[in-house]
Amino acid sequence: MRIGFNVRFLHEIVRHIDSDEILLHFYDPHQAVMIEPKKTEEMNYNLLYLLMPVKLE
């Protein structure tokens, strides 16, 4: 199965993350993907975004 993402939603998430690296957590093609910045010692907060995939045919 192939999945994709609405590029506008993905871009909106990525532009709000103040980090050089992000982590994408995939669990199942029918579940939301968790997106978060890679943790650094300077970060004193937690940030988590969810993005639903789109099934590609």
PDB file of N, CA and C in Angstrom:
ATOM      1  N   MET A   1       0.840  -1.177   0.000  1.00  0.00           N
ATOM      2  CA  MET A   1       0.000   0.000   0.000  1.00  0.00           C
ATOM      3  C   MET A   1       0.886   1.241   0.000  1.00  0.00           C
ATOM      4  N   ARG A   2       0.499   2.210  -0.779  1.00  0.00           N
ATOM      5  CA  ARG A   2       1.216   3.487  -0.832  1.00  0.00           C
ATOM      6  C   ARG A   2       0.369   4.552  -0.154  1.00  0.00           C
ATOM      7  N   ILE A   3       1.033   5.419   0.617  1.00  0.00           N
ATOM      8  CA  ILE A   3       0.328   6.537   1.238  1.00  0.00           C
ATOM      9  C   ILE A   3       1.043   7.830   0.879  1.00  0.00           C
ATOM     10  N   GLY A   4       0.324   8.917   0.976  1.00  0.00           N
ATOM     11  CA  GLY A   4       0.888  10.237   0.721  1.00  0.00           C
ATOM     12  C   GLY A   4       0.328  11.209   1.744  1.00  0.00           C
ATOM     13  N   PHE A   5       0.741  12.457   1.623  1.00  0.00           N
ATOM     14  CA  PHE A   5       0.272  13.494   2.535  1.00  0.00           C
ATOM     15  C   PHE A   5      -0.106  14.728   1.739  1.00  0.00           C
ATOM     16  N   ASN A   6      -1.075  15.458   2.236  1.00  0.00           N
ATOM     17  CA  ASN A   6      -1.409  16.742   1.652  1.00  0.00           C
ATOM     18  C   ASN A   6      -0.216  17.657   1.909  1.00  0.00           C
ATOM     19  N   VAL A   7       0.437  18.097   0.851  1.00  0.00           N
ATOM     20  CA  VAL A   7       1.684  18.849   0.988  1.00  0.00           C
ATOM     21  C   VAL A   7       1.474  20.176   1.719  1.00  0.00           C
ATOM     22  N   ARG A   8       0.309  20.783   1.597  1.00  0.00           N
ATOM     23  CA  ARG A   8       0.055  22.040   2.314  1.00  0.00           C
ATOM     24  C   ARG A   8       0.038  21.822   3.823  1.00  0.00           C
ATOM     25  N   PHE A   9      -0.590  20.731   4.260  1.00  0.00           N
ATOM     26  CA  PHE A   9      -0.634  20.431   5.696  1.00  0.00           C
ATOM     27  C   PHE A   9       0.763  20.085   6.216  1.00  0.00           C
ATOM     28  N   LEU A  10       1.500  19.275   5.463  1.00  0.00           N
ATOM     29  CA  LEU A  10       2.850  18.892   5.873  1.00  0.00           C
ATOM     30  C   LEU A  10       3.765  20.117   5.941  1.00  0.00           C
ATOM     31  N   HIS A  11       3.678  20.982   4.960  1.00  0.00           N
ATOM     32  CA  HIS A  11       4.492  22.201   4.948  1.00  0.00           C
ATOM     33  C   HIS A  11       4.156  23.095   6.142  1.00  0.00           C
ATOM     34  N   GLU A  12       2.890  23.224   6.466  1.00  0.00           N
ATOM     35  CA  GLU A  12       2.468  24.054   7.600  1.00  0.00           C
ATOM     36  C   GLU A  12       3.058  23.532   8.911  1.00  0.00           C
ATOM     37  N   ILE A  13       3.095  22.226   9.076  1.00  0.00           N
ATOM     38  CA  ILE A  13       3.678  21.631  10.281  1.00  0.00           C
ATOM     39  C   ILE A  13       5.182  21.885  10.321  1.00  0.00           C
ATOM     40  N   VAL A  14       5.872  21.566   9.231  1.00  0.00           N
ATOM     41  CA  VAL A  14       7.335  21.662   9.202  1.00  0.00           C
ATOM     42  C   VAL A  14       7.810  23.098   9.408  1.00  0.00           C
ATOM     43  N   ARG A  15       7.096  24.066   8.870  1.00  0.00           N
ATOM     44  CA  ARG A  15       7.556  25.449   9.010  1.00  0.00           C
ATOM     45  C   ARG A  15       7.405  25.983  10.436  1.00  0.00           C
ATOM     46  N   HIS A  16       6.594  25.318  11.267  1.00  0.00           N
ATOM     47  CA  HIS A  16       6.437  25.739  12.659  1.00  0.00           C
ATOM     48  C   HIS A  16       7.391  25.018  13.612  1.00  0.00           C
ATOM     49  N   ILE A  17       8.140  24.066  13.112  1.00  0.00           N
ATOM     50  CA  ILE A  17       9.092  23.338  13.953  1.00  0.00           C
ATOM     51  C   ILE A  17      10.450  24.013  13.842  1.00  0.00           C
ATOM     52  N   ASP A  18      10.945  24.500  14.965  1.00  0.00           N
ATOM     53  CA  ASP A  18      12.224  25.210  15.000  1.00  0.00           C
ATOM     54  C   ASP A  18      13.349  24.223  15.308  1.00  0.00           C
ATOM     55  N   SER A  19      13.619  23.348  14.347  1.00  0.00           N
ATOM     56  CA  SER A  19      14.654  22.333  14.514  1.00  0.00           C
ATOM     57  C   SER A  19      15.188  21.965  13.134  1.00  0.00           C
ATOM     58  N   ASP A  20      16.446  21.569  13.082  1.00  0.00           N
ATOM     59  CA  ASP A  20      17.032  21.144  11.811  1.00  0.00           C
ATOM     60  C   ASP A  20      16.590  19.737  11.421  1.00  0.00           C
ATOM     61  N   GLU A  21      16.126  18.969  12.398  1.00  0.00           N
ATOM     62  CA  GLU A  21      15.709  17.592  12.144  1.00  0.00           C
ATOM     63  C   GLU A  21      14.336  17.345  12.753  1.00  0.00           C
ATOM     64  N   ILE A  22      13.520  16.559  12.040  1.00  0.00           N
ATOM     65  CA  ILE A  22      12.219  16.170  12.570  1.00  0.00           C
ATOM     66  C   ILE A  22      12.115  14.651  12.545  1.00  0.00           C
ATOM     67  N   LEU A  23      11.258  14.130  13.398  1.00  0.00           N
ATOM     68  CA  LEU A  23      11.011  12.695  13.462  1.00  0.00           C
ATOM     69  C   LEU A  23       9.590  12.422  13.001  1.00  0.00           C
ATOM     70  N   LEU A  24       9.436  11.424  12.135  1.00  0.00           N
ATOM     71  CA  LEU A  24       8.125  10.982  11.666  1.00  0.00           C
ATOM     72  C   LEU A  24       7.911   9.567  12.191  1.00  0.00           C
ATOM     73  N   HIS A  25       6.835   9.356  12.931  1.00  0.00           N
ATOM     74  CA  HIS A  25       6.535   8.045  13.505  1.00  0.00           C
ATOM     75  C   HIS A  25       5.344   7.445  12.761  1.00  0.00           C
ATOM     76  N   PHE A  26       5.614   6.395  11.977  1.00  0.00           N
ATOM     77  CA  PHE A  26       4.575   5.691  11.222  1.00  0.00           C
ATOM     78  C   PHE A  26       4.207   4.417  11.979  1.00  0.00           C
ATOM     79  N   TYR A  27       2.922   4.164  12.141  1.00  0.00           N
ATOM     80  CA  TYR A  27       2.487   2.954  12.833  1.00  0.00           C
ATOM     81  C   TYR A  27       1.651   2.056  11.935  1.00  0.00           C
ATOM     82  N   ASP A  28       0.750   2.646  11.187  1.00  0.00           N
ATOM     83  CA  ASP A  28      -0.175   1.885  10.354  1.00  0.00           C
ATOM     84  C   ASP A  28      -0.627   2.817   9.230  1.00  0.00           C
ATOM     85  N   PRO A  29      -0.843   2.310   8.021  1.00  0.00           N
ATOM     86  CA  PRO A  29      -1.246   3.190   6.911  1.00  0.00           C
ATOM     87  C   PRO A  29      -2.586   3.899   7.123  1.00  0.00           C
ATOM     88  N   HIS A  30      -3.372   3.422   8.086  1.00  0.00           N
ATOM     89  CA  HIS A  30      -4.693   4.007   8.327  1.00  0.00           C
ATOM     90  C   HIS A  30      -4.724   4.904   9.560  1.00  0.00           C
ATOM     91  N   GLN A  31      -3.576   5.120  10.186  1.00  0.00           N
ATOM     92  CA  GLN A  31      -3.502   5.951  11.387  1.00  0.00           C
ATOM     93  C   GLN A  31      -2.690   7.213  11.116  1.00  0.00           C
ATOM     94  N   ALA A  32      -2.900   8.198  11.962  1.00  0.00           N
ATOM     95  CA  ALA A  32      -2.157   9.447  11.837  1.00  0.00           C
ATOM     96  C   ALA A  32      -0.667   9.207  12.073  1.00  0.00           C
ATOM     97  N   VAL A  33       0.144   9.994  11.409  1.00  0.00           N
ATOM     98  CA  VAL A  33       1.590   9.977  11.599  1.00  0.00           C
ATOM     99  C   VAL A  33       1.916  11.035  12.651  1.00  0.00           C
ATOM    100  N   MET A  34       2.763  10.682  13.615  1.00  0.00           N
ATOM    101  CA  MET A  34       3.197  11.647  14.618  1.00  0.00           C
ATOM    102  C   MET A  34       4.461  12.330  14.113  1.00  0.00           C
ATOM    103  N   ILE A  35       4.473  13.653  14.182  1.00  0.00           N
ATOM    104  CA  ILE A  35       5.614  14.445  13.725  1.00  0.00           C
ATOM    105  C   ILE A  35       6.074  15.304  14.892  1.00  0.00           C
ATOM    106  N   GLU A  36       7.378  15.250  15.178  1.00  0.00           N
ATOM    107  CA  GLU A  36       7.925  16.039  16.277  1.00  0.00           C
ATOM    108  C   GLU A  36       9.357  16.440  15.960  1.00  0.00           C
ATOM    109  N   PRO A  37       9.842  17.514  16.590  1.00  0.00           N
ATOM    110  CA  PRO A  37      11.244  17.885  16.389  1.00  0.00           C
ATOM    111  C   PRO A  37      12.146  16.896  17.110  1.00  0.00           C
ATOM    112  N   LYS A  38      13.348  16.715  16.582  1.00  0.00           N
ATOM    113  CA  LYS A  38      14.332  15.901  17.288  1.00  0.00           C
ATOM    114  C   LYS A  38      14.744  16.664  18.538  1.00  0.00           C
ATOM    115  N   LYS A  39      14.701  15.997  19.671  1.00  0.00           N
ATOM    116  CA  LYS A  39      14.979  16.651  20.954  1.00  0.00           C
ATOM    117  C   LYS A  39      16.440  17.085  21.055  1.00  0.00           C
ATOM    118  N   THR A  40      16.642  18.266  21.619  1.00  0.00           N
ATOM    119  CA  THR A  40      17.981  18.771  21.899  1.00  0.00           C
ATOM    120  C   THR A  40      18.031  19.196  23.361  1.00  0.00           C
ATOM    121  N   GLU A  41      19.213  19.427  23.860  1.00  0.00           N
ATOM    122  CA  GLU A  41      19.361  19.837  25.260  1.00  0.00           C
ATOM    123  C   GLU A  41      18.761  21.217  25.517  1.00  0.00           C
ATOM    124  N   GLU A  42      18.708  22.066  24.489  1.00  0.00           N
ATOM    125  CA  GLU A  42      18.177  23.414  24.658  1.00  0.00           C
ATOM    126  C   GLU A  42      16.649  23.443  24.729  1.00  0.00           C
ATOM    127  N   MET A  43      15.999  22.395  24.243  1.00  0.00           N
ATOM    128  CA  MET A  43      14.532  22.383  24.218  1.00  0.00           C
ATOM    129  C   MET A  43      13.982  22.143  25.615  1.00  0.00           C
ATOM    130  N   ASN A  44      13.115  23.028  26.051  1.00  0.00           N
ATOM    131  CA  ASN A  44      12.475  22.858  27.351  1.00  0.00           C
ATOM    132  C   ASN A  44      10.957  22.744  27.188  1.00  0.00           C
ATOM    133  N   TYR A  45      10.526  22.202  26.053  1.00  0.00           N
ATOM    134  CA  TYR A  45       9.107  22.028  25.781  1.00  0.00           C
ATOM    135  C   TYR A  45       8.915  20.786  24.917  1.00  0.00           C
ATOM    136  N   ASN A  46       7.694  20.289  24.884  1.00  0.00           N
ATOM    137  CA  ASN A  46       7.339  19.158  24.027  1.00  0.00           C
ATOM    138  C   ASN A  46       6.412  19.653  22.929  1.00  0.00           C
ATOM    139  N   LEU A  47       6.626  19.159  21.743  1.00  0.00           N
ATOM    140  CA  LEU A  47       5.827  19.556  20.595  1.00  0.00           C
ATOM    141  C   LEU A  47       5.490  18.306  19.801  1.00  0.00           C
ATOM    142  N   LEU A  48       4.219  18.131  19.465  1.00  0.00           N
ATOM    143  CA  LEU A  48       3.789  16.947  18.734  1.00  0.00           C
ATOM    144  C   LEU A  48       2.676  17.343  17.770  1.00  0.00           C
ATOM    145  N   TYR A  49       2.807  16.921  16.524  1.00  0.00           N
ATOM    146  CA  TYR A  49       1.783  17.156  15.508  1.00  0.00           C
ATOM    147  C   TYR A  49       1.296  15.814  14.994  1.00  0.00           C
ATOM    148  N   LEU A  50       0.047  15.759  14.590  1.00  0.00           N
ATOM    149  CA  LEU A  50      -0.525  14.568  13.968  1.00  0.00           C
ATOM    150  C   LEU A  50      -0.963  14.925  12.557  1.00  0.00           C
ATOM    151  N   LEU A  51      -0.691  14.024  11.614  1.00  0.00           N
ATOM    152  CA  LEU A  51      -1.078  14.249  10.222  1.00  0.00           C
ATOM    153  C   LEU A  51      -1.629  12.946   9.660  1.00  0.00           C
ATOM    154  N   MET A  52      -2.834  13.016   9.118  1.00  0.00           N
ATOM    155  CA  MET A  52      -3.455  11.826   8.535  1.00  0.00           C
ATOM    156  C   MET A  52      -2.919  11.593   7.126  1.00  0.00           C
ATOM    157  N   PRO A  53      -2.595  10.341   6.804  1.00  0.00           N
ATOM    158  CA  PRO A  53      -2.139  10.025   5.446  1.00  0.00           C
ATOM    159  C   PRO A  53      -3.314   9.940   4.476  1.00  0.00           C
ATOM    160  N   VAL A  54      -2.986  10.000   3.199  1.00  0.00           N
ATOM    161  CA  VAL A  54      -3.964   9.847   2.125  1.00  0.00           C
ATOM    162  C   VAL A  54      -3.573   8.600   1.346  1.00  0.00           C
ATOM    163  N   LYS A  55      -4.518   7.702   1.137  1.00  0.00           N
ATOM    164  CA  LYS A  55      -4.234   6.476   0.388  1.00  0.00           C
ATOM    165  C   LYS A  55      -4.066   6.807  -1.090  1.00  0.00           C
ATOM    166  N   LEU A  56      -2.978   6.330  -1.680  1.00  0.00           N
ATOM    167  CA  LEU A  56      -2.716   6.534  -3.101  1.00  0.00           C
ATOM    168  C   LEU A  56      -3.056   5.255  -3.852  1.00  0.00           C
ATOM    169  N   GLU A  57      -3.662   5.397  -5.000  1.00  0.00           N
ATOM    170  CA  GLU A  57      -4.011   4.209  -5.782  1.00  0.00           C
ATOM    171  C   GLU A  57      -3.131   4.087  -6.991  1.00  0.00           C
TER     172      GLU A  57
END
